[in-house]
Amino acid sequence: IEGQAVLGVELNAALEDKQFLLLYQPICDVNSGHVMGLEALIRWVHPTKGVLPPADFIPLAEETGLIVPIGRWALEEACNCAAAWNVTGHRVGISVMVSAKQLNRDGFATDVRRALQQSGIEPSLLTLEIAEMTVLNDVERTTERLKEIKQLGVCLAIDDFGSGYAYRSDLQRMPVDFLKVDRSSLAASED
């Protein structure tokens, strides 16, 4: 517990000291191999521990509520990078993961709108990824939130689909553009 408390203090300082960075993983068309977009992946450049993957700090960020400002930063940074690439002639869409705490906040649609306006990126080039388990926690509320966000013109994806037990009827009511299938679901279907 003591180590977690120290990490929590360091996590708060990391936000103030701009110790986070985004890496971009290409999203490729399976048939052509062409890059269709990029997925923003957050990392923490810890001053003594080096580069930390999300698994090492996102659960604590969720627990402490710091996921909201960290997620807001990631959204803004990804939109700004995509806008800069578009200006140089590399029109590319960007995908950003959204936590349950972010999505369930009343001000989240405002955060998305601000990131789009400040960066100048076309809304259709932004995809917000929501974990399937987030959707399952409160299907009705999530559906309403997603409809509100969809009105901004962004794309929506359910991430890790197949890791939970989302019903097709629930998903059909949601304004979702993509399902990102959980790798373990694919492996299981190959047997």
C-alpha atoms as a PDB file:
ATOM      1  CA  ILE A   1       0.000   0.000   0.000  1.00  0.00           C
ATOM      2  CA  GLU A   2       2.842   2.409   0.868  1.00  0.00           C
ATOM      3  CA  GLY A   3       4.328   1.925  -2.611  1.00  0.00           C
ATOM      4  CA  GLN A   4       0.955   2.684  -4.173  1.00  0.00           C
ATOM      5  CA  ALA A   5       0.684   5.915  -2.154  1.00  0.00           C
ATOM      6  CA  VAL A   6       4.123   7.031  -3.374  1.00  0.00           C
ATOM      7  CA  LEU A   7       3.197   6.102  -6.947  1.00  0.00           C
ATOM      8  CA  GLY A   8      -0.010   8.115  -6.560  1.00  0.00           C
ATOM      9  CA  VAL A   9       1.940  11.224  -5.551  1.00  0.00           C
ATOM     10  CA  GLU A  10       4.352  10.631  -8.446  1.00  0.00           C
ATOM     11  CA  LEU A  11       1.438  10.159 -10.840  1.00  0.00           C
ATOM     12  CA  ASN A  12      -0.001  13.513  -9.839  1.00  0.00           C
ATOM     13  CA  ALA A  13       3.420  15.132 -10.361  1.00  0.00           C
ATOM     14  CA  ALA A  14       3.739  13.371 -13.730  1.00  0.00           C
ATOM     15  CA  LEU A  15       0.690  15.189 -15.005  1.00  0.00           C
ATOM     16  CA  GLU A  16       2.014  18.561 -13.865  1.00  0.00           C
ATOM     17  CA  ASP A  17       5.524  17.859 -15.196  1.00  0.00           C
ATOM     18  CA  LYS A  18       4.304  16.525 -18.567  1.00  0.00           C
ATOM     19  CA  GLN A  19       5.893  13.098 -18.140  1.00  0.00           C
ATOM     20  CA  PHE A  20       3.380  11.308 -20.380  1.00  0.00           C
ATOM     21  CA  LEU A  21       3.880  10.564 -24.015  1.00  0.00           C
ATOM     22  CA  LEU A  22       1.834   8.968 -26.740  1.00  0.00           C
ATOM     23  CA  LEU A  23       3.133   6.293 -29.066  1.00  0.00           C
ATOM     24  CA  TYR A  24       1.221   5.598 -32.248  1.00  0.00           C
ATOM     25  CA  GLN A  25       0.453   2.090 -33.460  1.00  0.00           C
ATOM     26  CA  PRO A  26      -0.669   1.771 -37.082  1.00  0.00           C
ATOM     27  CA  ILE A  27      -4.096   0.381 -37.902  1.00  0.00           C
ATOM     28  CA  CYS A  28      -3.725  -1.434 -41.211  1.00  0.00           C
ATOM     29  CA  ASP A  29      -6.147  -2.704 -43.814  1.00  0.00           C
ATOM     30  CA  VAL A  30      -5.802  -6.495 -43.740  1.00  0.00           C
ATOM     31  CA  ASN A  31      -6.099  -6.871 -47.512  1.00  0.00           C
ATOM     32  CA  SER A  32      -3.939  -4.012 -48.777  1.00  0.00           C
ATOM     33  CA  GLY A  33      -1.608  -3.469 -45.839  1.00  0.00           C
ATOM     34  CA  HIS A  34      -2.183   0.285 -46.108  1.00  0.00           C
ATOM     35  CA  VAL A  35      -2.219   2.290 -42.902  1.00  0.00           C
ATOM     36  CA  MET A  36      -5.821   3.333 -42.266  1.00  0.00           C
ATOM     37  CA  GLY A  37      -5.190   5.217 -39.048  1.00  0.00           C
ATOM     38  CA  LEU A  38      -3.198   5.306 -35.853  1.00  0.00           C
ATOM     39  CA  GLU A  39      -4.006   4.247 -32.325  1.00  0.00           C
ATOM     40  CA  ALA A  40      -2.641   6.461 -29.554  1.00  0.00           C
ATOM     41  CA  LEU A  41      -0.982   4.464 -26.765  1.00  0.00           C
ATOM     42  CA  ILE A  42      -0.056   6.284 -23.572  1.00  0.00           C
ATOM     43  CA  ARG A  43       3.204   5.771 -21.708  1.00  0.00           C
ATOM     44  CA  TRP A  44       4.588   7.354 -18.561  1.00  0.00           C
ATOM     45  CA  VAL A  45       8.216   8.446 -18.763  1.00  0.00           C
ATOM     46  CA  HIS A  46       8.926   8.020 -15.060  1.00  0.00           C
ATOM     47  CA  PRO A  47      12.010   9.964 -13.880  1.00  0.00           C
ATOM     48  CA  THR A  48      13.609   6.959 -12.144  1.00  0.00           C
ATOM     49  CA  LYS A  49      11.772   3.866 -13.427  1.00  0.00           C
ATOM     50  CA  GLY A  50      11.931   4.675 -17.128  1.00  0.00           C
ATOM     51  CA  VAL A  51       9.074   4.207 -19.568  1.00  0.00           C
ATOM     52  CA  LEU A  52       6.089   2.569 -17.890  1.00  0.00           C
ATOM     53  CA  PRO A  53       3.314   0.789 -19.821  1.00  0.00           C
ATOM     54  CA  PRO A  54      -0.337   1.585 -19.079  1.00  0.00           C
ATOM     55  CA  ALA A  55      -0.803  -1.534 -16.940  1.00  0.00           C
ATOM     56  CA  ASP A  56       1.661  -0.058 -14.435  1.00  0.00           C
ATOM     57  CA  PHE A  57      -0.257   3.176 -13.828  1.00  0.00           C
ATOM     58  CA  ILE A  58      -3.729   3.271 -15.412  1.00  0.00           C
ATOM     59  CA  PRO A  59      -5.416   1.210 -12.631  1.00  0.00           C
ATOM     60  CA  LEU A  60      -4.048   3.656 -10.044  1.00  0.00           C
ATOM     61  CA  ALA A  61      -5.075   6.602 -12.222  1.00  0.00           C
ATOM     62  CA  GLU A  62      -8.597   5.155 -12.359  1.00  0.00           C
ATOM     63  CA  GLU A  63      -8.654   4.619  -8.602  1.00  0.00           C
ATOM     64  CA  THR A  64      -7.459   8.146  -7.785  1.00  0.00           C
ATOM     65  CA  GLY A  65      -9.545   9.907 -10.428  1.00  0.00           C
ATOM     66  CA  LEU A  66      -6.422  11.168 -12.196  1.00  0.00           C
ATOM     67  CA  ILE A  67      -7.553   9.225 -15.260  1.00  0.00           C
ATOM     68  CA  VAL A  68      -9.836  12.148 -16.139  1.00  0.00           C
ATOM     69  CA  PRO A  69      -7.106  14.797 -16.584  1.00  0.00           C
ATOM     70  CA  ILE A  70      -4.681  12.204 -17.994  1.00  0.00           C
ATOM     71  CA  GLY A  71      -7.316  11.061 -20.490  1.00  0.00           C
ATOM     72  CA  ARG A  72      -8.136  14.660 -21.396  1.00  0.00           C
ATOM     73  CA  TRP A  73      -4.432  15.299 -22.066  1.00  0.00           C
ATOM     74  CA  ALA A  74      -4.165  12.159 -24.224  1.00  0.00           C
ATOM     75  CA  LEU A  75      -7.227  13.146 -26.249  1.00  0.00           C
ATOM     76  CA  GLU A  76      -5.947  16.677 -26.846  1.00  0.00           C
ATOM     77  CA  GLU A  77      -2.408  15.510 -27.650  1.00  0.00           C
ATOM     78  CA  ALA A  78      -3.618  12.863 -30.123  1.00  0.00           C
ATOM     79  CA  CYS A  79      -5.917  15.350 -31.879  1.00  0.00           C
ATOM     80  CA  ASN A  80      -3.120  17.936 -32.089  1.00  0.00           C
ATOM     81  CA  CYS A  81      -0.713  15.379 -33.579  1.00  0.00           C
ATOM     82  CA  ALA A  82      -3.271  14.171 -36.122  1.00  0.00           C
ATOM     83  CA  ALA A  83      -4.006  17.777 -37.099  1.00  0.00           C
ATOM     84  CA  ALA A  84      -0.281  18.487 -37.563  1.00  0.00           C
ATOM     85  CA  TRP A  85       0.124  15.385 -39.734  1.00  0.00           C
ATOM     86  CA  ASN A  86      -2.906  16.361 -41.801  1.00  0.00           C
ATOM     87  CA  VAL A  87      -1.417  19.826 -42.430  1.00  0.00           C
ATOM     88  CA  THR A  88       1.756  18.205 -43.805  1.00  0.00           C
ATOM     89  CA  GLY A  89      -0.318  16.125 -46.233  1.00  0.00           C
ATOM     90  CA  HIS A  90      -0.596  12.935 -44.191  1.00  0.00           C
ATOM     91  CA  ARG A  91      -4.334  12.685 -43.658  1.00  0.00           C
ATOM     92  CA  VAL A  92      -4.725  10.119 -40.939  1.00  0.00           C
ATOM     93  CA  GLY A  93      -7.384   9.148 -38.461  1.00  0.00           C
ATOM     94  CA  ILE A  94      -6.547   8.744 -34.795  1.00  0.00           C
ATOM     95  CA  SER A  95      -8.002   6.391 -32.177  1.00  0.00           C
ATOM     96  CA  VAL A  96      -7.939   7.217 -28.476  1.00  0.00           C
ATOM     97  CA  MET A  97      -8.959   4.952 -25.590  1.00  0.00           C
ATOM     98  CA  VAL A  98     -11.567   6.375 -23.212  1.00  0.00           C
ATOM     99  CA  SER A  99     -11.907   5.164 -19.628  1.00  0.00           C
ATOM    100  CA  ALA A 100     -15.216   4.489 -17.889  1.00  0.00           C
ATOM    101  CA  LYS A 101     -14.629   7.451 -15.553  1.00  0.00           C
ATOM    102  CA  GLN A 102     -14.093   9.760 -18.502  1.00  0.00           C
ATOM    103  CA  LEU A 103     -17.132   8.533 -20.397  1.00  0.00           C
ATOM    104  CA  ASN A 104     -19.402   8.738 -17.345  1.00  0.00           C
ATOM    105  CA  ARG A 105     -18.401  12.324 -16.535  1.00  0.00           C
ATOM    106  CA  ASP A 106     -20.972  14.959 -17.436  1.00  0.00           C
ATOM    107  CA  GLY A 107     -18.282  17.141 -19.033  1.00  0.00           C
ATOM    108  CA  PHE A 108     -16.826  14.480 -21.326  1.00  0.00           C
ATOM    109  CA  ALA A 109     -18.626  15.627 -24.488  1.00  0.00           C
ATOM    110  CA  THR A 110     -17.295  19.122 -23.786  1.00  0.00           C
ATOM    111  CA  ASP A 111     -13.760  17.705 -23.491  1.00  0.00           C
ATOM    112  CA  VAL A 112     -14.129  16.004 -26.881  1.00  0.00           C
ATOM    113  CA  ARG A 113     -15.603  19.119 -28.490  1.00  0.00           C
ATOM    114  CA  ARG A 114     -12.756  21.263 -27.095  1.00  0.00           C
ATOM    115  CA  ALA A 115     -10.067  18.854 -28.351  1.00  0.00           C
ATOM    116  CA  LEU A 116     -11.619  18.901 -31.821  1.00  0.00           C
ATOM    117  CA  GLN A 117     -11.957  22.686 -31.908  1.00  0.00           C
ATOM    118  CA  GLN A 118      -8.480  23.436 -30.528  1.00  0.00           C
ATOM    119  CA  SER A 119      -6.762  21.035 -32.911  1.00  0.00           C
ATOM    120  CA  GLY A 120      -8.908  21.752 -35.947  1.00  0.00           C
ATOM    121  CA  ILE A 121      -9.098  18.037 -36.771  1.00  0.00           C
ATOM    122  CA  GLU A 122     -12.168  16.856 -38.666  1.00  0.00           C
ATOM    123  CA  PRO A 123     -14.413  15.020 -36.190  1.00  0.00           C
ATOM    124  CA  SER A 124     -14.697  12.011 -38.524  1.00  0.00           C
ATOM    125  CA  LEU A 125     -10.938  11.441 -38.162  1.00  0.00           C
ATOM    126  CA  LEU A 126     -11.252  10.830 -34.410  1.00  0.00           C
ATOM    127  CA  THR A 127     -12.278   7.422 -33.083  1.00  0.00           C
ATOM    128  CA  LEU A 128     -12.987   7.016 -29.396  1.00  0.00           C
ATOM    129  CA  GLU A 129     -12.471   3.480 -28.117  1.00  0.00           C
ATOM    130  CA  ILE A 130     -14.543   2.232 -25.197  1.00  0.00           C
ATOM    131  CA  ALA A 131     -13.834  -1.110 -23.517  1.00  0.00           C
ATOM    132  CA  GLU A 132     -16.618  -3.658 -23.773  1.00  0.00           C
ATOM    133  CA  MET A 133     -16.695  -3.967 -19.974  1.00  0.00           C
ATOM    134  CA  THR A 134     -17.431  -0.214 -19.711  1.00  0.00           C
ATOM    135  CA  VAL A 135     -20.424  -0.703 -21.975  1.00  0.00           C
ATOM    136  CA  LEU A 136     -21.670  -3.655 -19.926  1.00  0.00           C
ATOM    137  CA  ASN A 137     -21.597  -1.790 -16.602  1.00  0.00           C
ATOM    138  CA  ASP A 138     -24.639   0.339 -17.496  1.00  0.00           C
ATOM    139  CA  VAL A 139     -25.914  -0.264 -21.027  1.00  0.00           C
ATOM    140  CA  GLU A 140     -28.671   2.370 -20.898  1.00  0.00           C
ATOM    141  CA  ARG A 141     -26.482   5.159 -19.555  1.00  0.00           C
ATOM    142  CA  THR A 142     -23.592   4.275 -21.866  1.00  0.00           C
ATOM    143  CA  THR A 143     -25.917   4.278 -24.878  1.00  0.00           C
ATOM    144  CA  GLU A 144     -27.096   7.798 -24.000  1.00  0.00           C
ATOM    145  CA  ARG A 145     -23.516   9.025 -23.497  1.00  0.00           C
ATOM    146  CA  LEU A 146     -22.413   7.512 -26.798  1.00  0.00           C
ATOM    147  CA  LYS A 147     -25.326   9.141 -28.644  1.00  0.00           C
ATOM    148  CA  GLU A 148     -24.354  12.515 -27.172  1.00  0.00           C
ATOM    149  CA  ILE A 149     -20.734  12.069 -28.263  1.00  0.00           C
ATOM    150  CA  LYS A 150     -21.676  10.674 -31.677  1.00  0.00           C
ATOM    151  CA  GLN A 151     -23.503  13.951 -32.408  1.00  0.00           C
ATOM    152  CA  LEU A 152     -20.082  15.611 -32.474  1.00  0.00           C
ATOM    153  CA  GLY A 153     -19.278  13.628 -35.638  1.00  0.00           C
ATOM    154  CA  VAL A 154     -16.619  11.331 -34.176  1.00  0.00           C
ATOM    155  CA  CYS A 155     -16.412   7.581 -34.691  1.00  0.00           C
ATOM    156  CA  LEU A 156     -16.939   5.132 -31.840  1.00  0.00           C
ATOM    157  CA  ALA A 157     -15.413   1.704 -31.331  1.00  0.00           C
ATOM    158  CA  ILE A 158     -15.967  -1.008 -28.753  1.00  0.00           C
ATOM    159  CA  ASP A 159     -12.546  -2.301 -27.716  1.00  0.00           C
ATOM    160  CA  ASP A 160     -11.816  -5.858 -26.565  1.00  0.00           C
ATOM    161  CA  PHE A 161     -15.144  -7.077 -27.922  1.00  0.00           C
ATOM    162  CA  GLY A 162     -15.660 -10.680 -26.908  1.00  0.00           C
ATOM    163  CA  SER A 163     -13.956 -10.259 -23.530  1.00  0.00           C
ATOM    164  CA  GLY A 164     -17.339  -9.687 -21.852  1.00  0.00           C
ATOM    165  CA  TYR A 165     -20.855 -10.715 -22.665  1.00  0.00           C
ATOM    166  CA  ALA A 166     -22.341  -7.802 -24.563  1.00  0.00           C
ATOM    167  CA  TYR A 167     -25.591  -8.699 -26.238  1.00  0.00           C
ATOM    168  CA  ARG A 168     -26.035  -8.040 -29.913  1.00  0.00           C
ATOM    169  CA  SER A 169     -29.350  -6.306 -29.232  1.00  0.00           C
ATOM    170  CA  ASP A 170     -27.617  -3.870 -26.855  1.00  0.00           C
ATOM    171  CA  LEU A 171     -24.873  -3.134 -29.369  1.00  0.00           C
ATOM    172  CA  GLN A 172     -27.400  -2.556 -32.148  1.00  0.00           C
ATOM    173  CA  ARG A 173     -28.930   0.301 -30.135  1.00  0.00           C
ATOM    174  CA  MET A 174     -25.552   1.971 -29.684  1.00  0.00           C
ATOM    175  CA  PRO A 175     -24.112   4.347 -32.286  1.00  0.00           C
ATOM    176  CA  VAL A 176     -20.958   2.246 -32.667  1.00  0.00           C
ATOM    177  CA  ASP A 177     -18.912   2.275 -35.867  1.00  0.00           C
ATOM    178  CA  PHE A 178     -16.376  -0.478 -35.113  1.00  0.00           C
ATOM    179  CA  LEU A 179     -15.862  -3.532 -32.962  1.00  0.00           C
ATOM    180  CA  LYS A 180     -12.273  -4.352 -32.064  1.00  0.00           C
ATOM    181  CA  VAL A 181     -12.376  -8.068 -31.400  1.00  0.00           C
ATOM    182  CA  ASP A 182     -10.507  -9.375 -28.376  1.00  0.00           C
ATOM    183  CA  ARG A 183      -7.545 -11.496 -29.488  1.00  0.00           C
ATOM    184  CA  SER A 184      -8.460 -14.332 -27.097  1.00  0.00           C
ATOM    185  CA  SER A 185     -11.874 -14.577 -28.795  1.00  0.00           C
ATOM    186  CA  LEU A 186     -10.189 -15.067 -32.151  1.00  0.00           C
ATOM    187  CA  ALA A 187      -7.822 -17.667 -30.771  1.00  0.00           C
ATOM    188  CA  ALA A 188     -10.718 -19.576 -29.218  1.00  0.00           C
ATOM    189  CA  SER A 189     -12.634 -19.617 -32.511  1.00  0.00           C
ATOM    190  CA  GLU A 190      -9.662 -21.142 -34.356  1.00  0.00           C
ATOM    191  CA  ASP A 191      -9.784 -24.325 -32.239  1.00  0.00           C
END
